C-alpha atoms as a PDB file:
ATOM      1  CA  MET A   1       0.000   0.000   0.000  1.00  0.00           C
ATOM      2  CA  GLU A   2       2.859   2.388   0.763  1.00  0.00           C
ATOM      3  CA  LYS A   3       4.218   1.943  -2.769  1.00  0.00           C
ATOM      4  CA  VAL A   4       0.846   2.863  -4.248  1.00  0.00           C
ATOM      5  CA  ILE A   5       0.628   5.977  -2.087  1.00  0.00           C
ATOM      6  CA  SER A   6       4.174   7.024  -3.047  1.00  0.00           C
ATOM      7  CA  LEU A   7       3.341   6.500  -6.736  1.00  0.00           C
ATOM      8  CA  ILE A   8       0.150   8.564  -6.432  1.00  0.00           C
ATOM      9  CA  THR A   9       2.116  11.311  -4.682  1.00  0.00           C
ATOM     10  CA  TYR A  10       4.837  11.185  -7.342  1.00  0.00           C
ATOM     11  CA  PHE A  11       2.380  11.417 -10.245  1.00  0.00           C
ATOM     12  CA  SER A  12       0.399  14.230  -8.609  1.00  0.00           C
ATOM     13  CA  LYS A  13       3.630  16.249  -8.298  1.00  0.00           C
ATOM     14  CA  THR A  14       4.472  15.487 -11.927  1.00  0.00           C
ATOM     15  CA  ALA A  15       0.982  16.522 -13.054  1.00  0.00           C
ATOM     16  CA  ASP A  16       1.316  19.882 -11.279  1.00  0.00           C
ATOM     17  CA  PHE A  17       4.667  20.473 -12.945  1.00  0.00           C
ATOM     18  CA  GLU A  18       3.308  19.491 -16.344  1.00  0.00           C
ATOM     19  CA  SER A  19       0.178  21.644 -16.044  1.00  0.00           C
ATOM     20  CA  THR A  20       2.305  24.646 -15.032  1.00  0.00           C
ATOM     21  CA  ILE A  21       4.853  24.229 -17.827  1.00  0.00           C
ATOM     22  CA  LYS A  22       2.575  23.166 -20.690  1.00  0.00           C
ATOM     23  CA  PRO A  23       1.077  26.633 -21.489  1.00  0.00           C
ATOM     24  CA  HIS A  24       4.609  28.048 -21.862  1.00  0.00           C
ATOM     25  CA  MET A  25       6.207  25.288 -23.912  1.00  0.00           C
ATOM     26  CA  LEU A  26       5.615  26.777 -27.366  1.00  0.00           C
ATOM     27  CA  ARG A  27       6.947  30.171 -26.322  1.00  0.00           C
ATOM     28  CA  LEU A  28       9.984  28.554 -24.679  1.00  0.00           C
ATOM     29  CA  TYR A  29      10.678  26.537 -27.817  1.00  0.00           C
ATOM     30  CA  ARG A  30      10.337  29.609 -30.077  1.00  0.00           C
ATOM     31  CA  LEU A  31      12.736  31.559 -27.873  1.00  0.00           C
ATOM     32  CA  ALA A  32      15.173  28.640 -27.817  1.00  0.00           C
ATOM     33  CA  PHE A  33      14.933  28.352 -31.602  1.00  0.00           C
ATOM     34  CA  ARG A  34      15.641  32.051 -32.048  1.00  0.00           C
ATOM     35  CA  LEU A  35      18.645  31.861 -29.727  1.00  0.00           C
ATOM     36  CA  THR A  36      20.152  28.636 -31.085  1.00  0.00           C
ATOM     37  CA  GLY A  37      19.129  28.858 -34.741  1.00  0.00           C
ATOM     38  CA  SER A  38      18.203  25.192 -35.141  1.00  0.00           C
ATOM     39  CA  GLY A  39      15.360  22.905 -34.150  1.00  0.00           C
ATOM     40  CA  PRO A  40      17.425  20.121 -32.558  1.00  0.00           C
ATOM     41  CA  ASP A  41      19.511  22.596 -30.538  1.00  0.00           C
ATOM     42  CA  ALA A  42      16.316  24.360 -29.411  1.00  0.00           C
ATOM     43  CA  GLU A  43      14.784  21.058 -28.318  1.00  0.00           C
ATOM     44  CA  ASP A  44      17.940  20.211 -26.375  1.00  0.00           C
ATOM     45  CA  LEU A  45      17.941  23.622 -24.700  1.00  0.00           C
ATOM     46  CA  VAL A  46      14.284  23.359 -23.650  1.00  0.00           C
ATOM     47  CA  GLN A  47      14.888  19.831 -22.394  1.00  0.00           C
ATOM     48  CA  ASP A  48      17.886  21.009 -20.345  1.00  0.00           C
ATOM     49  CA  VAL A  49      15.731  23.737 -18.802  1.00  0.00           C
ATOM     50  CA  LEU A  50      12.949  21.287 -17.938  1.00  0.00           C
ATOM     51  CA  VAL A  51      15.418  18.863 -16.365  1.00  0.00           C
ATOM     52  CA  LYS A  52      16.887  21.734 -14.360  1.00  0.00           C
ATOM     53  CA  LEU A  53      13.441  22.949 -13.254  1.00  0.00           C
ATOM     54  CA  TYR A  54      11.854  19.655 -12.276  1.00  0.00           C
ATOM     55  CA  PRO A  55      13.593  19.436  -8.880  1.00  0.00           C
ATOM     56  CA  ARG A  56      12.536  23.067  -8.276  1.00  0.00           C
ATOM     57  CA  ARG A  57       8.874  22.467  -9.212  1.00  0.00           C
ATOM     58  CA  ARG A  58       7.561  23.746  -5.870  1.00  0.00           C
ATOM     59  CA  GLN A  59       9.317  27.061  -6.429  1.00  0.00           C
ATOM     60  CA  LEU A  60       7.837  27.180  -9.934  1.00  0.00           C
ATOM     61  CA  LEU A  61       4.311  26.595  -8.616  1.00  0.00           C
ATOM     62  CA  ALA A  62       4.708  29.541  -6.225  1.00  0.00           C
ATOM     63  CA  ILE A  63       5.637  32.039  -8.965  1.00  0.00           C
ATOM     64  CA  GLU A  64       2.856  34.431  -9.951  1.00  0.00           C
ATOM     65  CA  LYS A  65       3.983  34.985 -13.585  1.00  0.00           C
ATOM     66  CA  PRO A  66       5.996  31.948 -14.660  1.00  0.00           C
ATOM     67  CA  GLY A  67       6.412  33.067 -18.309  1.00  0.00           C
ATOM     68  CA  PRO A  68       9.147  35.674 -17.822  1.00  0.00           C
ATOM     69  CA  TRP A  69      10.777  33.556 -15.114  1.00  0.00           C
ATOM     70  CA  LEU A  70      10.948  30.557 -17.462  1.00  0.00           C
ATOM     71  CA  ALA A  71      12.349  32.753 -20.238  1.00  0.00           C
ATOM     72  CA  LYS A  72      15.011  34.013 -17.836  1.00  0.00           C
ATOM     73  CA  ILE A  73      15.989  30.449 -16.910  1.00  0.00           C
ATOM     74  CA  LEU A  74      16.109  29.474 -20.591  1.00  0.00           C
ATOM     75  CA  TYR A  75      18.186  32.523 -21.519  1.00  0.00           C
ATOM     76  CA  ARG A  76      20.635  31.928 -18.642  1.00  0.00           C
ATOM     77  CA  THR A  77      20.937  28.257 -19.598  1.00  0.00           C
ATOM     78  CA  PHE A  78      21.651  29.297 -23.186  1.00  0.00           C
ATOM     79  CA  LEU A  79      24.381  31.710 -22.049  1.00  0.00           C
ATOM     80  CA  ASP A  80      25.898  29.014 -19.826  1.00  0.00           C
ATOM     81  CA  GLN A  81      25.974  26.601 -22.775  1.00  0.00           C
ATOM     82  CA  GLN A  82      27.589  29.272 -24.967  1.00  0.00           C
ATOM     83  CA  ARG A  83      30.318  29.857 -22.387  1.00  0.00           C
ATOM     84  CA  ARG A  84      30.864  26.118 -21.989  1.00  0.00           C
ATOM     85  CA  ASN A  85      31.098  25.670 -25.758  1.00  0.00           C
ATOM     86  CA  LYS A  86      33.655  28.467 -26.091  1.00  0.00           C
ATOM     87  CA  ARG A  87      35.886  26.772 -23.532  1.00  0.00           C
ATOM     88  CA  SER A  88      35.461  23.376 -25.158  1.00  0.00           C
ATOM     89  CA  PRO A  89      38.089  22.205 -27.665  1.00  0.00           C
ATOM     90  CA  LEU A  90      35.224  21.041 -29.868  1.00  0.00           C
ATOM     91  CA  HIS A  91      33.981  24.572 -30.566  1.00  0.00           C
ATOM     92  CA  LEU A  92      36.153  24.657 -33.676  1.00  0.00           C
ATOM     93  CA  VAL A  93      34.017  21.960 -35.298  1.00  0.00           C
ATOM     94  CA  ALA A  94      31.348  23.367 -37.615  1.00  0.00           C
ATOM     95  CA  THR A  95      27.901  23.559 -36.015  1.00  0.00           C
ATOM     96  CA  SER A  96      24.399  24.139 -37.260  1.00  0.00           C
ATOM     97  CA  HIS A  97      24.751  27.814 -36.238  1.00  0.00           C
ATOM     98  CA  ASP A  98      26.987  28.456 -39.253  1.00  0.00           C
ATOM     99  CA  ASN A  99      23.990  28.309 -41.580  1.00  0.00           C
ATOM    100  CA  SER A 100      21.932  31.019 -39.903  1.00  0.00           C
ATOM    101  CA  LEU A 101      20.921  32.618 -43.203  1.00  0.00           C
ATOM    102  CA  GLU A 102      19.700  29.285 -44.582  1.00  0.00           C
ATOM    103  CA  MET A 103      17.347  28.940 -41.631  1.00  0.00           C
ATOM    104  CA  LEU A 104      14.892  31.300 -43.335  1.00  0.00           C
ATOM    105  CA  ASP A 105      14.957  29.174 -46.509  1.00  0.00           C
ATOM    106  CA  ILE A 106      13.893  26.069 -44.579  1.00  0.00           C
ATOM    107  CA  MET A 107      10.736  27.624 -43.117  1.00  0.00           C
ATOM    108  CA  ALA A 108       7.513  26.902 -44.977  1.00  0.00           C
ATOM    109  CA  SER A 109       5.877  29.828 -46.722  1.00  0.00           C
ATOM    110  CA  GLN A 110       2.760  30.548 -48.758  1.00  0.00           C
ATOM    111  CA  GLU A 111       4.423  31.966 -51.870  1.00  0.00           C
ATOM    112  CA  PRO A 112       1.898  32.967 -54.536  1.00  0.00           C
ATOM    113  CA  GLY A 113       4.542  33.240 -57.271  1.00  0.00           C
ATOM    114  CA  PRO A 114       8.271  32.951 -57.970  1.00  0.00           C
ATOM    115  CA  GLU A 115       8.895  36.708 -58.172  1.00  0.00           C
ATOM    116  CA  GLU A 116       7.201  37.479 -54.859  1.00  0.00           C
ATOM    117  CA  GLY A 117       8.876  34.459 -53.299  1.00  0.00           C
ATOM    118  CA  THR A 118      12.304  35.646 -54.436  1.00  0.00           C
ATOM    119  CA  GLU A 119      11.666  39.161 -53.144  1.00  0.00           C
ATOM    120  CA  LYS A 120      10.465  37.771 -49.821  1.00  0.00           C
ATOM    121  CA  LYS A 121      13.554  35.543 -49.482  1.00  0.00           C
ATOM    122  CA  GLU A 122      15.892  38.413 -50.361  1.00  0.00           C
ATOM    123  CA  SER A 123      14.168  40.701 -47.887  1.00  0.00           C
ATOM    124  CA  SER A 124      14.394  37.997 -45.207  1.00  0.00           C
ATOM    125  CA  ARG A 125      18.105  37.555 -45.925  1.00  0.00           C
ATOM    126  CA  ARG A 126      18.692  41.294 -45.586  1.00  0.00           C
ATOM    127  CA  VAL A 127      16.795  41.482 -42.307  1.00  0.00           C
ATOM    128  CA  GLN A 128      18.605  38.403 -40.964  1.00  0.00           C
ATOM    129  CA  ALA A 129      21.951  39.887 -42.047  1.00  0.00           C
ATOM    130  CA  ALA A 130      21.031  43.146 -40.296  1.00  0.00           C
ATOM    131  CA  ILE A 131      20.124  41.284 -37.106  1.00  0.00           C
ATOM    132  CA  ASN A 132      23.350  39.259 -37.332  1.00  0.00           C
ATOM    133  CA  SER A 133      25.327  42.507 -37.665  1.00  0.00           C
ATOM    134  CA  LEU A 134      24.287  43.491 -34.133  1.00  0.00           C
ATOM    135  CA  ASN A 135      26.455  42.541 -31.200  1.00  0.00           C
ATOM    136  CA  GLU A 136      25.252  39.579 -29.158  1.00  0.00           C
ATOM    137  CA  ALA A 137      23.572  41.608 -26.399  1.00  0.00           C
ATOM    138  CA  GLN A 138      21.684  43.802 -28.875  1.00  0.00           C
ATOM    139  CA  ARG A 139      20.651  40.797 -30.991  1.00  0.00           C
ATOM    140  CA  HIS A 140      19.256  38.952 -27.964  1.00  0.00           C
ATOM    141  CA  LEU A 141      17.453  42.068 -26.744  1.00  0.00           C
ATOM    142  CA  CYS A 142      15.838  42.639 -30.168  1.00  0.00           C
ATOM    143  CA  LEU A 143      14.752  39.014 -30.410  1.00  0.00           C
ATOM    144  CA  LEU A 144      13.236  39.052 -26.941  1.00  0.00           C
ATOM    145  CA  TYR A 145      11.528  42.439 -27.352  1.00  0.00           C
ATOM    146  CA  TYR A 146      10.420  42.570 -30.995  1.00  0.00           C
ATOM    147  CA  VAL A 147      10.069  38.927 -31.971  1.00  0.00           C
ATOM    148  CA  GLU A 148       9.020  37.236 -28.729  1.00  0.00           C
ATOM    149  CA  GLY A 149       7.057  40.250 -27.463  1.00  0.00           C
ATOM    150  CA  TYR A 150       8.402  40.546 -23.927  1.00  0.00           C
ATOM    151  CA  THR A 151       7.801  43.949 -22.334  1.00  0.00           C
ATOM    152  CA  LEU A 152      10.637  46.086 -21.024  1.00  0.00           C
ATOM    153  CA  ALA A 153       9.450  45.392 -17.478  1.00  0.00           C
ATOM    154  CA  GLU A 154       9.672  41.646 -18.106  1.00  0.00           C
ATOM    155  CA  LEU A 155      13.069  42.054 -19.752  1.00  0.00           C
ATOM    156  CA  THR A 156      14.468  43.876 -16.730  1.00  0.00           C
ATOM    157  CA  GLU A 157      13.714  40.703 -14.784  1.00  0.00           C
ATOM    158  CA  ILE A 158      14.859  38.270 -17.483  1.00  0.00           C
ATOM    159  CA  LEU A 159      18.122  40.022 -18.323  1.00  0.00           C
ATOM    160  CA  GLU A 160      18.672  41.478 -14.831  1.00  0.00           C
ATOM    161  CA  THR A 161      19.365  44.871 -16.355  1.00  0.00           C
ATOM    162  CA  PRO A 162      17.937  48.281 -15.342  1.00  0.00           C
ATOM    163  CA  MET A 163      15.096  49.717 -17.442  1.00  0.00           C
ATOM    164  CA  GLY A 164      17.141  52.737 -18.563  1.00  0.00           C
ATOM    165  CA  THR A 165      19.967  50.532 -19.802  1.00  0.00           C
ATOM    166  CA  LEU A 166      17.518  48.368 -21.763  1.00  0.00           C
ATOM    167  CA  LYS A 167      15.909  51.419 -23.362  1.00  0.00           C
ATOM    168  CA  SER A 168      19.332  52.750 -24.327  1.00  0.00           C
ATOM    169  CA  ARG A 169      20.426  49.411 -25.795  1.00  0.00           C
ATOM    170  CA  LEU A 170      17.159  49.063 -27.677  1.00  0.00           C
ATOM    171  CA  HIS A 171      17.570  52.544 -29.136  1.00  0.00           C
ATOM    172  CA  ARG A 172      21.165  51.819 -30.182  1.00  0.00           C
ATOM    173  CA  SER A 173      20.202  48.502 -31.724  1.00  0.00           C
ATOM    174  CA  ARG A 174      17.405  50.187 -33.747  1.00  0.00           C
ATOM    175  CA  ASP A 175      19.917  52.773 -34.957  1.00  0.00           C
ATOM    176  CA  ASN A 176      22.384  50.031 -35.897  1.00  0.00           C
ATOM    177  CA  LEU A 177      19.680  48.103 -37.758  1.00  0.00           C
ATOM    178  CA  ARG A 178      18.552  51.249 -39.566  1.00  0.00           C
ATOM    179  CA  ASN A 179      22.146  52.107 -40.548  1.00  0.00           C
ATOM    180  CA  PHE A 180      22.787  48.578 -41.782  1.00  0.00           C
ATOM    181  CA  MET A 181      19.577  48.514 -43.820  1.00  0.00           C
ATOM    182  CA  ASN A 182      20.301  51.944 -45.358  1.00  0.00           C
ATOM    183  CA  LYS A 183      23.670  50.799 -46.756  1.00  0.00           C
ATOM    184  CA  GLY A 184      23.732  49.881 -50.428  1.00  0.00           C
ATOM    185  CA  THR A 185      20.480  48.707 -51.950  1.00  0.00           C
ATOM    186  CA  PHE A 186      18.821  47.709 -48.693  1.00  0.00           C
ATOM    187  CA  LEU A 187      15.283  48.712 -47.833  1.00  0.00           C
ATOM    188  CA  HIS A 188      14.720  52.047 -46.100  1.00  0.00           C
ATOM    189  CA  ASP A 189      12.331  51.140 -43.307  1.00  0.00           C
ATOM    190  CA  GLU A 190      11.915  53.854 -40.666  1.00  0.00           C
ATOM    191  CA  SER A 191       9.930  51.526 -38.370  1.00  0.00           C
ATOM    192  CA  LEU A 192      13.117  49.693 -37.344  1.00  0.00           C
END
């Protein structure tokens, strides 16, 4: 009987963890994909975060807004992996991150015709090149703010950076994107 009770207790704890995490899984995966640049790496990153969080499930259940907290954990885990990879002798081996511009070609699209499809791909390449021209901190901030839709208040918690610093970095990154896009034959989009 004690084994049955321990199993029921175990599965009830697992169910709470799963019900808390499940609404945030897609957003976590999208963020991981944007940070890593590949599906398998994003899956590994999310899995690492879940493995790290499971022993802390009681703390997770007590958090009022788990979304930004989970994003912070994912972002910190990503940075830790980046640091570990830089120290590793294997970082010289080519990774899936080298093909960051091809990532946009892999995504499915609803292209009505070849001309529009080509223009869309070229525009995507230019935008991706502009984003890649930013330094790492600016690139991550733009992805979190513009693509993932986190507010500045949430980003102060996620990135552990003061609001004024984030606003300044966001302004500088917009200027850098605008300058990059204005070079040569790039689009002139004032909304960046």
